[in-house]
Amino acid sequence: MPGPLGRIATMEEDLNAYVTVVAESARRAAARAEREIAAAGHRSPLHGQPQSAPISWMYAPEAFGASGEDGFASGGRR
């Protein structure tokens, strides 16, 4: 299994970095993005790129400069 899902499959047991991996949903989203890109080009620089959030962002957002309920850094741009 190549790509990001393959790396997660081979390393997750040791790293325990994800709460939930939604592989089938990710594969469907990737196939849909590939069709959209082939038909009309990229909608944005990240269109079709896999996304994930480390556990630490969910449990310690302040460590990444986020504060408050909205998750934005105080004094930062919105």
Protein backbone atom coordinates (compact mmCIF):
# COMPACT_ATOMS: atom_id res chain seq x y z
CA MET A 1 0.00 0.00 0.00
CA PRO A 2 1.91 3.10 -1.20
CA GLY A 3 1.57 6.70 -0.08
CA PRO A 4 0.49 8.23 3.22
CA LEU A 5 -1.95 5.43 4.09
CA GLY A 6 0.81 2.88 3.58
CA ARG A 7 3.15 4.79 5.90
CA ILE A 8 0.42 5.02 8.53
CA ALA A 9 -0.29 1.28 8.22
CA THR A 10 3.36 0.36 8.70
CA MET A 11 4.24 2.87 11.44
CA GLU A 12 1.06 3.51 13.44
CA GLU A 13 1.52 0.60 15.85
CA ASP A 14 4.87 2.03 16.98
CA LEU A 15 3.94 5.72 16.84
CA ASN A 16 0.32 5.67 18.03
CA ALA A 17 -0.13 9.05 16.36
CA TYR A 18 -3.75 8.83 15.16
CA VAL A 19 -7.00 8.43 17.06
CA THR A 20 -8.87 7.34 13.93
CA VAL A 21 -7.68 6.47 10.44
CA VAL A 22 -10.45 6.56 7.85
CA ALA A 23 -8.64 4.80 5.02
CA GLU A 24 -11.64 3.92 2.85
CA SER A 25 -13.03 7.43 3.09
CA ALA A 26 -9.59 8.82 2.23
CA ARG A 27 -9.33 6.58 -0.82
CA ARG A 28 -12.77 7.71 -2.05
CA ALA A 29 -11.86 11.37 -1.50
CA ALA A 30 -8.57 10.87 -3.37
CA ALA A 31 -10.33 9.24 -6.33
CA ARG A 32 -12.90 12.07 -6.42
CA ALA A 33 -10.14 14.71 -6.26
CA GLU A 34 -8.24 13.00 -9.09
CA ARG A 35 -11.37 13.09 -11.27
CA GLU A 36 -12.02 16.75 -10.42
CA ILE A 37 -8.42 17.74 -11.13
CA ALA A 38 -8.43 15.85 -14.44
CA ALA A 39 -11.68 17.56 -15.48
CA ALA A 40 -11.14 21.13 -14.28
CA GLY A 41 -7.69 21.49 -12.73
CA HIS A 42 -6.76 22.26 -9.14
CA ARG A 43 -9.20 24.40 -7.13
CA SER A 44 -6.47 25.33 -4.62
CA PRO A 45 -2.82 24.48 -3.91
CA LEU A 46 -3.91 21.72 -1.49
CA HIS A 47 -6.71 20.27 -3.63
CA GLY A 48 -6.22 16.51 -3.58
CA GLN A 49 -3.52 16.52 -0.89
CA PRO A 50 -4.03 14.19 2.08
CA GLN A 51 -4.69 15.94 5.39
CA SER A 52 -4.25 14.83 8.97
CA ALA A 53 -3.92 16.33 12.42
CA PRO A 54 -1.55 14.95 15.04
CA ILE A 55 -3.10 13.96 18.35
CA SER A 56 -1.09 16.68 20.06
CA TRP A 57 -3.09 19.36 18.16
CA MET A 58 -6.31 18.02 19.61
CA TYR A 59 -5.13 17.72 23.20
CA ALA A 60 -2.63 20.58 23.45
CA PRO A 61 -3.53 23.26 20.87
CA GLU A 62 -1.84 25.93 22.99
CA ALA A 63 1.50 24.24 22.27
CA PHE A 64 0.97 25.22 18.62
CA GLY A 65 0.04 28.84 19.29
CA ALA A 66 -3.72 28.32 19.43
CA SER A 67 -5.85 29.71 22.20
CA GLY A 68 -9.53 30.12 22.92
CA GLU A 69 -12.45 28.08 21.72
CA ASP A 70 -11.98 28.98 18.06
CA GLY A 71 -8.46 27.48 17.96
CA PHE A 72 -6.82 30.63 16.58
CA ALA A 73 -3.63 32.10 17.96
CA SER A 74 -4.25 35.17 20.07
CA GLY A 75 -3.34 38.32 18.21
CA GLY A 76 -3.02 36.42 14.93
CA ARG A 77 -4.79 36.96 11.64
CA ARG A 78 -8.12 35.32 10.97
